C-alpha atoms as a PDB file:
ATOM      1  CA  MET A   1      -0.228 -74.685 -22.159  1.00  0.00           C
ATOM      2  CA  CYS A   2      -0.957 -71.833 -19.928  1.00  0.00           C
ATOM      3  CA  HIS A   3      -1.588 -71.623 -15.989  1.00  0.00           C
ATOM      4  CA  ALA A   4      -3.818 -69.090 -14.570  1.00  0.00           C
ATOM      5  CA  THR A   5      -1.180 -68.454 -11.378  1.00  0.00           C
ATOM      6  CA  ASN A   6      -1.763 -65.630  -9.807  1.00  0.00           C
ATOM      7  CA  GLN A   7       0.915 -63.573  -8.888  1.00  0.00           C
ATOM      8  CA  MET A   8       2.126 -64.668  -5.414  1.00  0.00           C
ATOM      9  CA  SER A   9       1.030 -68.189  -6.044  1.00  0.00           C
ATOM     10  CA  ARG A  10       4.031 -70.696  -6.581  1.00  0.00           C
ATOM     11  CA  ALA A  11       3.174 -74.889  -6.938  1.00  0.00           C
ATOM     12  CA  ILE A  12       6.733 -76.577  -6.135  1.00  0.00           C
ATOM     13  CA  ALA A  13       7.322 -79.857  -6.944  1.00  0.00           C
ATOM     14  CA  LEU A  14       9.688 -81.887  -4.465  1.00  0.00           C
ATOM     15  CA  PHE A  15      10.871 -84.191  -7.328  1.00  0.00           C
ATOM     16  CA  ASN A  16      13.945 -86.928  -7.206  1.00  0.00           C
ATOM     17  CA  GLN A  17      13.167 -90.090  -8.743  1.00  0.00           C
ATOM     18  CA  ALA A  18      15.686 -91.658  -6.095  1.00  0.00           C
ATOM     19  CA  GLY A  19      14.132 -92.965  -3.172  1.00  0.00           C
ATOM     20  CA  GLY A  20      14.875 -92.152   0.675  1.00  0.00           C
ATOM     21  CA  VAL A  21      16.148 -88.550   0.159  1.00  0.00           C
ATOM     22  CA  GLY A  22      13.882 -86.705   2.427  1.00  0.00           C
ATOM     23  CA  LYS A  23      11.317 -85.493   0.234  1.00  0.00           C
ATOM     24  CA  THR A  24       8.383 -85.624   2.463  1.00  0.00           C
ATOM     25  CA  THR A  25      10.577 -84.619   5.421  1.00  0.00           C
ATOM     26  CA  ILE A  26      11.423 -81.526   3.599  1.00  0.00           C
ATOM     27  CA  THR A  27       7.792 -80.896   1.973  1.00  0.00           C
ATOM     28  CA  GLN A  28       6.408 -80.967   5.325  1.00  0.00           C
ATOM     29  CA  ASN A  29       8.705 -79.171   7.402  1.00  0.00           C
ATOM     30  CA  LEU A  30       9.160 -76.508   4.672  1.00  0.00           C
ATOM     31  CA  GLY A  31       5.448 -76.233   4.260  1.00  0.00           C
ATOM     32  CA  TYR A  32       5.375 -75.481   8.117  1.00  0.00           C
ATOM     33  CA  GLN A  33       8.080 -72.869   7.859  1.00  0.00           C
ATOM     34  CA  LEU A  34       5.817 -71.083   5.261  1.00  0.00           C
ATOM     35  CA  SER A  35       2.885 -71.182   7.083  1.00  0.00           C
ATOM     36  CA  THR A  36       4.656 -69.889  10.287  1.00  0.00           C
ATOM     37  CA  ARG A  37       5.589 -67.079   8.136  1.00  0.00           C
ATOM     38  CA  GLY A  38       2.592 -66.198   7.246  1.00  0.00           C
ATOM     39  CA  HIS A  39       1.410 -67.802   3.861  1.00  0.00           C
ATOM     40  CA  LYS A  40      -1.384 -70.046   3.174  1.00  0.00           C
ATOM     41  CA  VAL A  41      -0.117 -73.576   2.289  1.00  0.00           C
ATOM     42  CA  LEU A  42      -1.259 -76.438   0.349  1.00  0.00           C
ATOM     43  CA  LEU A  43       0.426 -80.190   0.727  1.00  0.00           C
ATOM     44  CA  ILE A  44      -0.454 -82.285  -2.065  1.00  0.00           C
ATOM     45  CA  ASP A  45       0.677 -86.030  -1.476  1.00  0.00           C
ATOM     46  CA  LEU A  46       1.421 -87.327  -5.140  1.00  0.00           C
ATOM     47  CA  ASP A  47       3.247 -90.757  -3.451  1.00  0.00           C
ATOM     48  CA  PRO A  48       1.088 -93.734  -3.292  1.00  0.00           C
ATOM     49  CA  GLN A  49       3.242 -94.569  -0.287  1.00  0.00           C
ATOM     50  CA  ALA A  50       1.073 -92.030   1.615  1.00  0.00           C
ATOM     51  CA  SER A  51       4.224 -91.125   3.629  1.00  0.00           C
ATOM     52  CA  LEU A  52       3.129 -87.294   3.579  1.00  0.00           C
ATOM     53  CA  THR A  53      -0.418 -88.062   4.413  1.00  0.00           C
ATOM     54  CA  THR A  54       0.774 -90.360   7.476  1.00  0.00           C
ATOM     55  CA  PHE A  55       3.328 -87.477   8.728  1.00  0.00           C
ATOM     56  CA  MET A  56       0.186 -85.317   8.878  1.00  0.00           C
ATOM     57  CA  GLY A  57      -1.294 -87.483  11.217  1.00  0.00           C
ATOM     58  CA  ILE A  58      -3.965 -89.113   8.776  1.00  0.00           C
ATOM     59  CA  ASP A  59      -4.797 -92.811   8.327  1.00  0.00           C
ATOM     60  CA  PRO A  60      -4.368 -92.955   4.432  1.00  0.00           C
ATOM     61  CA  ASP A  61      -6.604 -96.607   4.978  1.00  0.00           C
ATOM     62  CA  SER A  62      -9.339 -94.612   6.286  1.00  0.00           C
ATOM     63  CA  LEU A  63      -9.871 -91.955   3.583  1.00  0.00           C
ATOM     64  CA  ASP A  64     -12.914 -92.136   1.194  1.00  0.00           C
ATOM     65  CA  LYS A  65     -11.638 -89.526  -0.953  1.00  0.00           C
ATOM     66  CA  THR A  66      -7.792 -89.341  -2.111  1.00  0.00           C
ATOM     67  CA  LEU A  67      -5.944 -87.806  -5.290  1.00  0.00           C
ATOM     68  CA  PHE A  68      -7.094 -90.747  -6.949  1.00  0.00           C
ATOM     69  CA  ASP A  69     -10.955 -89.216  -7.583  1.00  0.00           C
ATOM     70  CA  THR A  70      -9.141 -85.940  -9.020  1.00  0.00           C
ATOM     71  CA  LEU A  71      -6.589 -87.773 -11.486  1.00  0.00           C
ATOM     72  CA  VAL A  72      -8.899 -90.569 -12.891  1.00  0.00           C
ATOM     73  CA  ASN A  73     -12.521 -89.192 -11.956  1.00  0.00           C
ATOM     74  CA  GLU A  74     -11.644 -85.588 -12.531  1.00  0.00           C
ATOM     75  CA  GLU A  75     -13.376 -84.844  -9.381  1.00  0.00           C
ATOM     76  CA  PRO A  76     -12.069 -81.453  -7.528  1.00  0.00           C
ATOM     77  CA  LEU A  77      -8.966 -81.529  -5.070  1.00  0.00           C
ATOM     78  CA  PHE A  78     -10.155 -83.295  -2.044  1.00  0.00           C
ATOM     79  CA  ILE A  79      -8.411 -81.421   0.586  1.00  0.00           C
ATOM     80  CA  LEU A  80      -8.233 -81.664   4.473  1.00  0.00           C
ATOM     81  CA  PRO A  81      -8.360 -78.053   5.505  1.00  0.00           C
ATOM     82  CA  SER A  82      -6.540 -77.352   9.094  1.00  0.00           C
ATOM     83  CA  LEU A  83      -3.632 -79.819   9.694  1.00  0.00           C
ATOM     84  CA  HIS A  84      -0.520 -77.885  12.051  1.00  0.00           C
ATOM     85  CA  GLY A  85      -1.889 -74.540   9.978  1.00  0.00           C
ATOM     86  CA  MET A  86      -1.373 -76.213   6.501  1.00  0.00           C
ATOM     87  CA  ALA A  87      -3.943 -77.480   4.311  1.00  0.00           C
ATOM     88  CA  LEU A  88      -2.979 -81.169   2.628  1.00  0.00           C
ATOM     89  CA  ALA A  89      -4.742 -82.931  -0.165  1.00  0.00           C
ATOM     90  CA  PRO A  90      -4.270 -86.439   1.209  1.00  0.00           C
ATOM     91  CA  THR A  91      -3.302 -90.011  -0.656  1.00  0.00           C
ATOM     92  CA  ASN A  92      -3.405 -93.660  -0.149  1.00  0.00           C
ATOM     93  CA  ILE A  93      -2.212 -96.907  -2.199  1.00  0.00           C
ATOM     94  CA  THR A  94      -5.057 -96.756  -4.718  1.00  0.00           C
ATOM     95  CA  LEU A  95      -2.877 -93.559  -6.049  1.00  0.00           C
ATOM     96  CA  SER A  96      -0.436 -96.652  -7.486  1.00  0.00           C
ATOM     97  CA  ALA A  97      -3.694 -97.988  -9.543  1.00  0.00           C
ATOM     98  CA  ALA A  98      -4.243 -94.449 -10.655  1.00  0.00           C
ATOM     99  CA  GLU A  99      -1.348 -94.184 -12.297  1.00  0.00           C
ATOM    100  CA  ILE A 100      -1.967 -97.664 -14.271  1.00  0.00           C
ATOM    101  CA  GLN A 101      -5.441 -96.256 -15.266  1.00  0.00           C
ATOM    102  CA  LEU A 102      -4.138 -92.719 -16.441  1.00  0.00           C
ATOM    103  CA  VAL A 103      -2.100 -94.323 -19.438  1.00  0.00           C
ATOM    104  CA  ASN A 104      -5.484 -95.058 -20.957  1.00  0.00           C
ATOM    105  CA  LEU A 105      -6.864 -91.453 -20.390  1.00  0.00           C
ATOM    106  CA  ASP A 106      -7.487 -88.549 -22.259  1.00  0.00           C
ATOM    107  CA  PHE A 107      -5.291 -85.132 -21.218  1.00  0.00           C
ATOM    108  CA  ARG A 108      -3.856 -87.488 -18.458  1.00  0.00           C
ATOM    109  CA  GLU A 109      -0.610 -85.184 -18.259  1.00  0.00           C
ATOM    110  CA  VAL A 110      -2.955 -81.908 -17.485  1.00  0.00           C
ATOM    111  CA  ARG A 111      -5.316 -83.161 -14.975  1.00  0.00           C
ATOM    112  CA  LEU A 112      -3.594 -82.420 -12.131  1.00  0.00           C
ATOM    113  CA  SER A 113      -2.740 -78.935 -13.450  1.00  0.00           C
ATOM    114  CA  GLU A 114      -6.436 -78.450 -14.311  1.00  0.00           C
ATOM    115  CA  ALA A 115      -7.485 -79.086 -10.252  1.00  0.00           C
ATOM    116  CA  LEU A 116      -4.311 -77.032  -9.028  1.00  0.00           C
ATOM    117  CA  ASP A 117      -5.685 -73.915 -11.355  1.00  0.00           C
ATOM    118  CA  ARG A 118      -8.845 -74.351  -9.481  1.00  0.00           C
ATOM    119  CA  VAL A 119      -7.679 -73.798  -6.186  1.00  0.00           C
ATOM    120  CA  ARG A 120      -4.331 -71.664  -7.146  1.00  0.00           C
ATOM    121  CA  ASN A 121      -5.854 -68.286  -5.617  1.00  0.00           C
ATOM    122  CA  ASP A 122      -6.396 -69.835  -2.400  1.00  0.00           C
ATOM    123  CA  TYR A 123      -2.654 -70.570  -1.544  1.00  0.00           C
ATOM    124  CA  ASP A 124       0.587 -69.001  -1.369  1.00  0.00           C
ATOM    125  CA  PHE A 125       2.246 -72.272  -1.697  1.00  0.00           C
ATOM    126  CA  ILE A 126       1.586 -75.566  -3.059  1.00  0.00           C
ATOM    127  CA  LEU A 127       3.899 -78.532  -2.190  1.00  0.00           C
ATOM    128  CA  ILE A 128       3.812 -81.668  -3.816  1.00  0.00           C
ATOM    129  CA  ASP A 129       5.404 -84.209  -2.484  1.00  0.00           C
ATOM    130  CA  CYS A 130       6.304 -86.541  -5.969  1.00  0.00           C
ATOM    131  CA  PRO A 131       6.922 -90.249  -5.919  1.00  0.00           C
ATOM    132  CA  PRO A 132      10.386 -91.616  -6.382  1.00  0.00           C
ATOM    133  CA  SER A 133       9.593 -92.347 -10.099  1.00  0.00           C
ATOM    134  CA  LEU A 134       9.827 -90.473 -13.618  1.00  0.00           C
ATOM    135  CA  GLY A 135       6.535 -92.045 -14.247  1.00  0.00           C
ATOM    136  CA  LEU A 136       3.207 -90.506 -14.936  1.00  0.00           C
ATOM    137  CA  LEU A 137       2.477 -88.827 -11.504  1.00  0.00           C
ATOM    138  CA  SER A 138       5.496 -87.374 -11.422  1.00  0.00           C
ATOM    139  CA  TYR A 139       5.349 -85.478 -14.990  1.00  0.00           C
ATOM    140  CA  SER A 140       2.114 -84.339 -13.863  1.00  0.00           C
ATOM    141  CA  ALA A 141       3.488 -83.007 -10.967  1.00  0.00           C
ATOM    142  CA  LEU A 142       6.132 -81.069 -13.332  1.00  0.00           C
ATOM    143  CA  VAL A 143       3.242 -80.087 -15.625  1.00  0.00           C
ATOM    144  CA  GLY A 144       1.093 -78.033 -12.581  1.00  0.00           C
ATOM    145  CA  ALA A 145       4.042 -76.711 -11.072  1.00  0.00           C
ATOM    146  CA  THR A 146       5.564 -73.409 -11.369  1.00  0.00           C
ATOM    147  CA  HIS A 147       8.524 -74.456  -9.902  1.00  0.00           C
ATOM    148  CA  VAL A 148      10.717 -77.909  -9.345  1.00  0.00           C
ATOM    149  CA  LEU A 149      12.659 -78.078  -6.099  1.00  0.00           C
ATOM    150  CA  VAL A 150      15.397 -81.280  -5.745  1.00  0.00           C
ATOM    151  CA  PRO A 151      16.066 -82.858  -2.593  1.00  0.00           C
ATOM    152  CA  ILE A 152      19.431 -84.677  -3.388  1.00  0.00           C
ATOM    153  CA  GLU A 153      21.185 -86.874  -0.765  1.00  0.00           C
ATOM    154  CA  THR A 154      24.662 -86.128  -0.089  1.00  0.00           C
ATOM    155  CA  HIS A 155      25.645 -89.561  -1.374  1.00  0.00           C
ATOM    156  CA  TYR A 156      27.337 -90.350  -4.521  1.00  0.00           C
ATOM    157  CA  LYS A 157      25.015 -92.687  -5.455  1.00  0.00           C
ATOM    158  CA  ALA A 158      21.982 -90.227  -5.634  1.00  0.00           C
ATOM    159  CA  PHE A 159      24.021 -87.753  -7.023  1.00  0.00           C
ATOM    160  CA  GLN A 160      24.812 -89.903  -9.941  1.00  0.00           C
ATOM    161  CA  GLY A 161      20.865 -89.788 -11.141  1.00  0.00           C
ATOM    162  CA  THR A 162      20.645 -86.030 -10.951  1.00  0.00           C
ATOM    163  CA  ASN A 163      21.296 -85.885 -15.186  1.00  0.00           C
ATOM    164  CA  LEU A 164      18.397 -88.132 -15.647  1.00  0.00           C
ATOM    165  CA  LEU A 165      16.368 -86.186 -13.184  1.00  0.00           C
ATOM    166  CA  LEU A 166      17.315 -82.851 -15.158  1.00  0.00           C
ATOM    167  CA  GLN A 167      16.494 -84.543 -18.264  1.00  0.00           C
ATOM    168  CA  THR A 168      13.170 -85.216 -17.581  1.00  0.00           C
ATOM    169  CA  VAL A 169      12.360 -81.701 -16.387  1.00  0.00           C
ATOM    170  CA  ALA A 170      14.034 -80.379 -19.622  1.00  0.00           C
ATOM    171  CA  LYS A 171      11.465 -82.533 -21.394  1.00  0.00           C
ATOM    172  CA  VAL A 172       8.507 -81.221 -20.016  1.00  0.00           C
ATOM    173  CA  ARG A 173       9.746 -77.558 -20.293  1.00  0.00           C
ATOM    174  CA  LYS A 174      10.006 -78.296 -23.949  1.00  0.00           C
ATOM    175  CA  ARG A 175       6.101 -80.131 -24.177  1.00  0.00           C
ATOM    176  CA  GLY A 176       4.302 -79.856 -21.020  1.00  0.00           C
ATOM    177  CA  ASN A 177       4.875 -76.652 -19.339  1.00  0.00           C
ATOM    178  CA  PRO A 178       7.719 -74.316 -20.612  1.00  0.00           C
ATOM    179  CA  LYS A 179       7.428 -71.815 -17.847  1.00  0.00           C
ATOM    180  CA  LEU A 180       8.707 -74.291 -15.165  1.00  0.00           C
ATOM    181  CA  GLN A 181      11.531 -73.153 -13.508  1.00  0.00           C
ATOM    182  CA  ILE A 182      14.563 -74.458 -11.240  1.00  0.00           C
ATOM    183  CA  ALA A 183      13.814 -73.789  -7.768  1.00  0.00           C
ATOM    184  CA  GLY A 184      17.064 -75.110  -6.830  1.00  0.00           C
ATOM    185  CA  PHE A 185      18.448 -78.239  -5.374  1.00  0.00           C
ATOM    186  CA  VAL A 186      18.560 -79.241  -1.305  1.00  0.00           C
ATOM    187  CA  PRO A 187      21.273 -81.270  -0.041  1.00  0.00           C
ATOM    188  CA  SER A 188      19.253 -83.983   2.135  1.00  0.00           C
ATOM    189  CA  ARG A 189      20.262 -86.373   4.754  1.00  0.00           C
ATOM    190  CA  TYR A 190      24.242 -84.459   5.656  1.00  0.00           C
ATOM    191  CA  ALA A 191      26.181 -85.896   7.988  1.00  0.00           C
ATOM    192  CA  ALA A 192      29.194 -83.461   8.102  1.00  0.00           C
ATOM    193  CA  SER A 193      31.619 -85.957  10.027  1.00  0.00           C
ATOM    194  CA  ASN A 194      31.431 -88.536   7.083  1.00  0.00           C
ATOM    195  CA  SER A 195      34.338 -87.701   4.522  1.00  0.00           C
ATOM    196  CA  GLN A 196      32.310 -89.471   1.751  1.00  0.00           C
ATOM    197  CA  ASP A 197      28.746 -86.565   2.322  1.00  0.00           C
ATOM    198  CA  LYS A 198      31.650 -83.747   2.401  1.00  0.00           C
ATOM    199  CA  ARG A 199      33.055 -84.902  -0.783  1.00  0.00           C
ATOM    200  CA  THR A 200      29.826 -85.359  -2.502  1.00  0.00           C
ATOM    201  CA  LEU A 201      28.523 -82.117  -1.178  1.00  0.00           C
ATOM    202  CA  LYS A 202      31.371 -80.285  -2.849  1.00  0.00           C
ATOM    203  CA  ALA A 203      30.275 -81.906  -6.183  1.00  0.00           C
ATOM    204  CA  ILE A 204      26.508 -81.175  -5.881  1.00  0.00           C
ATOM    205  CA  GLN A 205      27.825 -77.552  -5.014  1.00  0.00           C
ATOM    206  CA  ALA A 206      30.376 -77.369  -8.135  1.00  0.00           C
ATOM    207  CA  GLN A 207      28.499 -79.256 -10.498  1.00  0.00           C
ATOM    208  CA  LEU A 208      24.710 -78.153 -10.066  1.00  0.00           C
ATOM    209  CA  ALA A 209      25.374 -73.921  -9.224  1.00  0.00           C
ATOM    210  CA  THR A 210      25.580 -73.593 -12.842  1.00  0.00           C
ATOM    211  CA  VAL A 211      21.850 -75.111 -12.988  1.00  0.00           C
ATOM    212  CA  GLY A 212      19.735 -73.539 -10.086  1.00  0.00           C
ATOM    213  CA  THR A 213      20.769 -72.742  -6.245  1.00  0.00           C
ATOM    214  CA  VAL A 214      22.198 -75.146  -4.123  1.00  0.00           C
ATOM    215  CA  TYR A 215      20.903 -74.649  -0.518  1.00  0.00           C
ATOM    216  CA  GLU A 216      22.514 -75.362   2.566  1.00  0.00           C
ATOM    217  CA  PRO A 217      22.238 -79.027   3.403  1.00  0.00           C
ATOM    218  CA  ILE A 218      19.844 -80.572   5.838  1.00  0.00           C
ATOM    219  CA  PRO A 219      21.685 -82.965   7.917  1.00  0.00           C
ATOM    220  CA  ARG A 220      20.581 -86.229   8.893  1.00  0.00           C
ATOM    221  CA  LEU A 221      18.731 -86.208  11.984  1.00  0.00           C
ATOM    222  CA  THR A 222      17.125 -88.592  14.142  1.00  0.00           C
ATOM    223  CA  ALA A 223      14.760 -85.487  15.560  1.00  0.00           C
ATOM    224  CA  PHE A 224      13.090 -85.858  11.987  1.00  0.00           C
ATOM    225  CA  VAL A 225      12.063 -89.415  12.380  1.00  0.00           C
ATOM    226  CA  ASP A 226      10.828 -88.818  15.743  1.00  0.00           C
ATOM    227  CA  ALA A 227       9.078 -86.198  14.797  1.00  0.00           C
ATOM    228  CA  SER A 228       7.188 -88.120  11.698  1.00  0.00           C
ATOM    229  CA  GLU A 229       6.382 -91.014  14.531  1.00  0.00           C
ATOM    230  CA  GLU A 230       4.748 -88.161  16.643  1.00  0.00           C
ATOM    231  CA  GLN A 231       3.108 -87.232  13.046  1.00  0.00           C
ATOM    232  CA  VAL A 232       4.218 -83.281  13.778  1.00  0.00           C
ATOM    233  CA  PRO A 233       6.268 -81.323  11.985  1.00  0.00           C
ATOM    234  CA  LEU A 234       9.786 -80.856  13.614  1.00  0.00           C
ATOM    235  CA  ALA A 235       8.891 -77.568  14.583  1.00  0.00           C
ATOM    236  CA  VAL A 236       6.380 -78.499  16.615  1.00  0.00           C
ATOM    237  CA  TYR A 237       7.781 -81.826  18.224  1.00  0.00           C
ATOM    238  CA  ASP A 238      11.077 -79.666  19.364  1.00  0.00           C
ATOM    239  CA  PRO A 239      10.852 -76.058  18.960  1.00  0.00           C
ATOM    240  CA  LYS A 240      14.109 -74.632  19.494  1.00  0.00           C
ATOM    241  CA  HIS A 241      15.766 -77.592  17.261  1.00  0.00           C
ATOM    242  CA  PRO A 242      18.973 -75.851  15.680  1.00  0.00           C
ATOM    243  CA  VAL A 243      18.322 -77.327  12.249  1.00  0.00           C
ATOM    244  CA  LEU A 244      14.855 -75.137  11.991  1.00  0.00           C
ATOM    245  CA  LYS A 245      17.148 -72.131  11.043  1.00  0.00           C
ATOM    246  CA  ILE A 246      18.053 -73.905   8.256  1.00  0.00           C
ATOM    247  CA  LEU A 247      14.565 -74.627   7.099  1.00  0.00           C
ATOM    248  CA  ASP A 248      13.467 -71.020   7.938  1.00  0.00           C
ATOM    249  CA  GLN A 249      16.154 -69.889   5.557  1.00  0.00           C
ATOM    250  CA  LEU A 250      15.049 -72.008   2.715  1.00  0.00           C
ATOM    251  CA  ALA A 251      11.356 -70.843   3.377  1.00  0.00           C
ATOM    252  CA  GLN A 252      12.839 -67.393   3.094  1.00  0.00           C
ATOM    253  CA  GLN A 253      14.660 -68.029  -0.188  1.00  0.00           C
ATOM    254  CA  MET A 254      11.145 -69.707  -1.641  1.00  0.00           C
ATOM    255  CA  GLU A 255       9.510 -66.679  -0.967  1.00  0.00           C
ATOM    256  CA  GLN A 256      11.775 -65.031  -3.511  1.00  0.00           C
ATOM    257  CA  LEU A 257      10.838 -67.109  -6.175  1.00  0.00           C
ATOM    258  CA  ASN A 258       9.072 -65.341  -8.612  1.00  0.00           C
ATOM    259  CA  ALA A 259       5.603 -66.773  -9.926  1.00  0.00           C
ATOM    260  CA  SER A 260       5.854 -65.979 -13.370  1.00  0.00           C
END
């Protein structure tokens, strides 16, 4: 299965089957940092909970078109063009019905990928916020992505699930998308004062560094919650927040990924 990727376009799936690891927060804020660095960024909300859509200031229930129409009816991506300097393909709860309906549809795994192929050349970065599951929606994202970036909570239980996640990535590489690359791991919700977090971070660094880059941890912050309540990226909510340095560094590292 070949992808009509332009040399610069990277489609990065933010994927972890565990919930509450900061996927949506990282998707939104990484996207914003990339946009401030001069890149055209498309965010895709592939989680039926529609947190990303909400964080971007859109009421999911008010949408006439969503990713459901793309996946089930094979319509072009519905894109809201200009939100905090980024574009958004929004979603709502109808997407959970899509996962059930897709089971019986032809070429279900490649429908997202084909929709992405039509817009890849319009964006430097496409960031896909995957649902917290190993189901068909996440699989579709991995088939359509050039890279997978794994937010991983610095909590022992979250770290334990990583093997299953890597098996899924290996499966996709074998069948659906042989070019899929691991962009790395982002330790998230890190509390430096917590000894368990410190131990888990060390274990993540020791055990996953052979698989992909382990980036600097993103701390657990009430500022992220406050910014999402205001429905803006952290840099808009608090332009001088010290954690923006970590996010900008992550954006720089994403710029260095090659898009094969």
